[in-house]
Protein backbone atom coordinates (compact mmCIF):
# COMPACT_ATOMS: atom_id res chain seq x y z
CA UNK A 1 -24.04 -31.58 1.65
CA UNK A 2 -20.64 -30.39 0.50
CA UNK A 3 -20.19 -27.01 -1.14
CA UNK A 4 -22.91 -26.69 -3.78
CA UNK A 5 -20.47 -25.57 -6.45
CA UNK A 6 -17.66 -27.83 -5.36
CA UNK A 7 -16.15 -28.23 -8.82
CA UNK A 8 -16.12 -24.42 -9.17
CA UNK A 9 -14.94 -23.84 -5.57
CA UNK A 10 -11.79 -25.86 -6.19
CA UNK A 11 -10.57 -23.00 -8.30
CA UNK A 12 -10.62 -20.73 -5.24
CA UNK A 13 -8.93 -22.88 -2.60
CA UNK A 14 -5.60 -21.84 -1.14
CA UNK A 15 -2.37 -23.83 -0.79
CA UNK A 16 -3.83 -25.58 2.28
CA UNK A 17 -6.85 -26.73 0.20
CA UNK A 18 -9.15 -24.39 2.14
CA UNK A 19 -11.87 -21.99 0.99
CA UNK A 20 -11.53 -20.03 4.26
CA UNK A 21 -8.39 -20.00 6.39
CA UNK A 22 -7.76 -17.22 8.87
CA UNK A 23 -6.87 -16.62 12.53
CA UNK A 24 -7.59 -13.75 14.88
CA UNK A 25 -8.09 -12.83 18.51
CA UNK A 26 -11.43 -12.36 20.18
CA UNK A 27 -12.29 -8.85 21.43
CA UNK A 28 -12.20 -7.98 25.12
CA UNK A 29 -13.04 -9.37 27.60
CA UNK A 30 -12.62 -12.81 25.98
CA UNK A 31 -9.19 -12.44 24.28
CA UNK A 32 -9.17 -16.09 23.10
CA UNK A 33 -7.33 -16.90 19.89
CA UNK A 34 -9.27 -18.72 17.17
CA UNK A 35 -8.78 -20.28 13.75
CA UNK A 36 -11.44 -20.74 11.08
CA UNK A 37 -10.66 -23.41 8.47
CA UNK A 38 -13.21 -24.37 5.84
CA UNK A 39 -12.64 -26.92 3.04
CA UNK A 40 -15.06 -27.76 0.23
CA UNK A 41 -16.37 -30.54 2.53
CA UNK A 42 -16.11 -29.47 6.21
CA UNK A 43 -16.06 -26.59 8.66
CA UNK A 44 -13.33 -26.50 11.33
CA UNK A 45 -13.29 -24.07 14.24
CA UNK A 46 -10.40 -24.09 16.75
CA UNK A 47 -9.86 -21.78 19.73
CA UNK A 48 -7.27 -21.37 22.47
CA UNK A 49 -8.47 -20.09 25.85
CA UNK A 50 -6.39 -17.22 27.25
CA UNK A 51 -6.56 -17.41 31.05
CA UNK A 52 -4.20 -16.57 33.97
CA UNK A 53 -1.47 -19.20 34.42
CA UNK A 54 -2.64 -19.82 38.01
CA UNK A 55 -5.93 -21.26 36.86
CA UNK A 56 -6.33 -25.01 36.66
CA UNK A 57 -7.45 -24.91 33.00
CA UNK A 58 -4.46 -22.82 31.85
CA UNK A 59 -2.71 -25.87 30.34
CA UNK A 60 -5.66 -27.20 28.39
CA UNK A 61 -5.00 -27.96 24.69
CA UNK A 62 -6.89 -26.04 21.94
CA UNK A 63 -10.58 -26.85 21.47
CA UNK A 64 -11.85 -27.92 18.08
CA UNK A 65 -15.29 -28.36 16.54
CA UNK A 66 -15.93 -29.58 13.05
CA UNK A 67 -18.98 -30.37 10.94
CA UNK A 68 -20.08 -31.07 7.42
CA UNK A 69 -21.95 -28.39 5.50
CA UNK A 70 -25.33 -29.94 6.34
CA UNK A 71 -24.50 -30.40 10.04
CA UNK A 72 -22.97 -26.97 10.36
CA UNK A 73 -26.25 -25.24 9.52
CA UNK A 74 -27.93 -27.10 12.39
CA UNK A 75 -25.06 -27.15 14.90
CA UNK A 76 -26.17 -24.72 17.62
CA UNK A 77 -23.14 -25.34 19.83
CA UNK A 78 -20.74 -24.53 17.02
CA UNK A 79 -22.72 -21.40 16.18
CA UNK A 80 -22.64 -20.32 19.83
CA UNK A 81 -18.87 -20.81 20.22
CA UNK A 82 -18.09 -19.01 16.96
CA UNK A 83 -20.37 -16.13 17.93
CA UNK A 84 -18.85 -15.92 21.42
CA UNK A 85 -15.26 -15.89 20.24
CA UNK A 86 -15.35 -14.48 16.68
CA UNK A 87 -18.53 -12.41 16.64
CA UNK A 88 -21.74 -12.11 14.67
CA UNK A 89 -20.12 -11.11 11.39
CA UNK A 90 -18.05 -14.28 11.22
CA UNK A 91 -20.91 -16.65 11.98
CA UNK A 92 -23.14 -14.96 9.44
CA UNK A 93 -20.42 -15.15 6.85
CA UNK A 94 -19.92 -18.88 7.51
CA UNK A 95 -23.67 -19.59 7.35
CA UNK A 96 -23.83 -17.94 3.95
CA UNK A 97 -20.85 -19.98 2.79
CA UNK A 98 -22.56 -23.16 3.96
CA UNK A 99 -25.50 -22.26 1.75
CA UNK A 100 -23.27 -21.91 -1.29
CA UNK A 101 -22.66 -18.15 -1.23
CA UNK A 102 -18.95 -17.85 -1.90
CA UNK A 103 -17.32 -14.41 -1.67
CA UNK A 104 -15.58 -14.12 -5.01
CA UNK A 105 -14.44 -10.48 -4.86
CA UNK A 106 -11.68 -10.76 -2.17
CA UNK A 107 -10.35 -13.86 -3.93
CA UNK A 108 -9.48 -11.99 -7.12
CA UNK A 109 -5.80 -11.20 -7.84
CA UNK A 110 -4.66 -7.94 -6.21
CA UNK A 111 -3.91 -6.36 -9.59
CA UNK A 112 -7.50 -6.94 -10.75
CA UNK A 113 -8.89 -5.66 -7.42
CA UNK A 114 -6.89 -2.45 -7.58
CA UNK A 115 -7.99 -1.80 -11.15
CA UNK A 116 -11.64 -2.33 -10.11
CA UNK A 117 -11.43 -0.19 -6.97
CA UNK A 118 -9.98 2.74 -8.93
CA UNK A 119 -13.33 3.13 -10.75
CA UNK A 120 -15.38 3.37 -7.55
CA UNK A 121 -16.67 6.64 -6.10
CA UNK A 122 -14.72 7.95 -3.13
CA UNK A 123 -17.64 7.22 -0.79
CA UNK A 124 -17.70 3.59 -1.96
CA UNK A 125 -13.95 3.21 -1.41
CA UNK A 126 -14.43 4.54 2.12
CA UNK A 127 -17.24 2.07 2.80
CA UNK A 128 -15.33 -0.85 1.31
CA UNK A 129 -12.34 -0.13 3.54
CA UNK A 130 -14.54 -1.02 6.52
CA UNK A 131 -15.52 -4.47 5.21
CA UNK A 132 -12.36 -6.37 6.18
CA UNK A 133 -8.68 -6.02 6.96
CA UNK A 134 -7.85 -7.03 3.41
CA UNK A 135 -9.93 -4.26 1.87
CA UNK A 136 -8.81 -1.73 4.44
CA UNK A 137 -5.24 -2.34 3.37
CA UNK A 138 -6.17 -2.23 -0.32
CA UNK A 139 -8.25 0.93 -0.03
CA UNK A 140 -5.35 2.76 1.68
CA UNK A 141 -2.47 1.49 -0.46
CA UNK A 142 -0.44 3.98 -2.48
CA UNK A 143 -0.82 1.95 -5.67
CA UNK A 144 -4.59 2.44 -5.65
CA UNK A 145 -4.42 6.18 -5.00
CA UNK A 146 -1.88 6.65 -7.74
CA UNK A 147 -4.44 5.20 -10.16
CA UNK A 148 -7.23 7.33 -8.65
CA UNK A 149 -5.11 10.46 -8.92
CA UNK A 150 -4.07 9.95 -12.51
CA UNK A 151 -7.62 9.12 -13.58
CA UNK A 152 -9.28 12.14 -11.90
CA UNK A 153 -6.73 14.92 -11.66
CA UNK A 154 -6.20 17.65 -14.25
CA UNK A 155 -2.74 18.42 -12.85
CA UNK A 156 0.03 17.24 -15.24
CA UNK A 157 2.05 14.29 -13.95
CA UNK A 158 5.55 15.76 -13.80
CA UNK A 159 8.78 14.43 -12.34
CA UNK A 160 8.38 16.91 -9.47
CA UNK A 161 4.89 15.59 -8.76
CA UNK A 162 6.06 11.94 -8.74
CA UNK A 163 8.90 12.85 -6.40
CA UNK A 164 6.47 14.60 -4.07
CA UNK A 165 4.19 11.55 -4.18
CA UNK A 166 7.09 9.37 -3.02
CA UNK A 167 7.52 11.57 0.02
CA UNK A 168 3.89 12.18 0.92
CA UNK A 169 1.87 9.47 -0.80
CA UNK A 170 -0.64 9.71 -3.68
CA UNK A 171 -3.63 9.67 -1.34
CA UNK A 172 -2.51 12.82 0.42
CA UNK A 173 -1.81 14.53 -2.88
CA UNK A 174 -5.24 13.58 -4.17
CA UNK A 175 -6.96 15.34 -1.27
CA UNK A 176 -4.64 18.35 -1.44
CA UNK A 177 -6.27 21.33 -3.18
CA UNK A 178 -4.52 22.87 -6.21
CA UNK A 179 -3.16 25.90 -4.37
CA UNK A 180 -1.57 23.80 -1.61
CA UNK A 181 -0.21 21.41 -4.25
CA UNK A 182 1.48 24.26 -6.17
CA UNK A 183 3.13 25.48 -2.96
CA UNK A 184 4.37 21.99 -2.12
CA UNK A 185 5.68 21.48 -5.66
CA UNK A 186 7.53 24.77 -5.49
CA UNK A 187 9.14 23.77 -2.22
CA UNK A 188 10.02 20.37 -3.64
CA UNK A 189 11.62 22.04 -6.66
CA UNK A 190 13.66 24.36 -4.43
CA UNK A 191 14.92 21.47 -2.28
CA UNK A 192 15.88 19.42 -5.32
CA UNK A 193 17.56 22.43 -6.95
CA UNK A 194 19.78 22.96 -3.93
CA UNK A 195 21.26 19.49 -4.30
CA UNK A 196 21.15 19.05 -8.09
CA UNK A 197 20.74 22.43 -9.81
CA UNK A 198 20.95 21.12 -13.37
CA UNK A 199 18.22 18.53 -12.80
CA UNK A 200 15.62 21.27 -12.28
CA UNK A 201 16.45 23.25 -15.47
CA UNK A 202 15.69 23.06 -19.15
CA UNK A 203 18.43 22.75 -21.78
CA UNK A 204 18.85 26.49 -22.27
CA UNK A 205 18.98 27.13 -18.52
CA UNK A 206 21.45 24.29 -18.04
CA UNK A 207 23.74 25.79 -20.70
CA UNK A 208 23.56 29.19 -19.06
CA UNK A 209 24.18 27.74 -15.64
CA UNK A 210 27.17 25.74 -16.85
CA UNK A 211 28.58 28.86 -18.53
CA UNK A 212 28.25 30.83 -15.30
CA UNK A 213 29.97 28.05 -13.37
CA UNK A 214 32.81 27.90 -15.93
CA UNK A 215 33.27 31.66 -15.75
CA UNK A 216 33.44 31.55 -11.97
CA UNK A 217 36.01 28.77 -12.15
CA UNK A 218 38.18 30.73 -14.59
CA UNK A 219 38.04 33.82 -12.39
CA UNK A 220 39.05 31.74 -9.39
CA UNK A 221 42.00 30.26 -11.31
CA UNK A 222 43.05 33.76 -12.45
CA UNK A 223 43.19 34.97 -8.84
CA UNK A 224 45.30 31.98 -7.82
CA UNK A 225 47.66 32.25 -10.85
CA UNK A 226 48.00 35.88 -12.11
CA UNK A 227 48.59 36.13 -15.89
CA UNK A 228 52.08 36.59 -17.27
CA UNK A 229 52.82 39.32 -19.81
CA UNK A 230 54.68 38.28 -22.99
CA UNK A 231 55.69 40.44 -25.89
CA UNK A 232 54.83 39.20 -29.37
CA UNK A 233 55.47 41.20 -32.56
CA UNK A 234 55.50 44.47 -30.68
CA UNK A 235 52.21 43.83 -28.91
CA UNK A 236 51.45 42.42 -25.54
CA UNK A 237 49.54 39.20 -25.05
CA UNK A 238 48.38 37.82 -21.73
CA UNK A 239 48.90 34.20 -21.02
CA UNK A 240 47.95 32.21 -17.97
CA UNK A 241 50.70 30.29 -16.29
CA UNK A 242 49.07 27.06 -17.49
CA UNK A 243 49.79 27.92 -21.15
């Protein structure tokens, strides 16, 4: 029996025409490498024994077992080898797949997954991160926590806040209490102001700051080039040497 929903499963196969296609290493003490490859018609399980080079079987080629969907459900040897090398979770997952239970959620586009995960409770995100490597990566990515932050936080999203998120990550900001966040934003503003003073000011402050800088410059020029005194119509007018 091939996959029960074969015509539907074809929409979920990868570029290698596989429904399942992944490799990993067995946990200690085995340490063998293995590859699971499942098409809409067959199960393939390959493994490479990792042994000391001095052993006689160190040069053996990879082992491979394959079976149709019907045979896989009854193949005790294949079940045993998969359990030994890959573990109980993998064999249970493959048995469910052989019975037509396809895992649709991890096959969705990443953009759709991130949008869905953002609506979960924090406890559910934490649990989902333990399901697989794929979901662990998704549940910890900055793109997800940016969505979670913006959906749940009352703090305005300012330029300072976005700059702080680039340095520390949205997840860390989300779990930072408001008092700590205000302190961090103040420090961020001070650091940015040291390098680019006008970027941290409003229009009125920028005008004032520029005026102060111009005044300082004129005073500096006056010290370097003392004004000359010229008489004009009986009165004295001061002119800088540049005039």
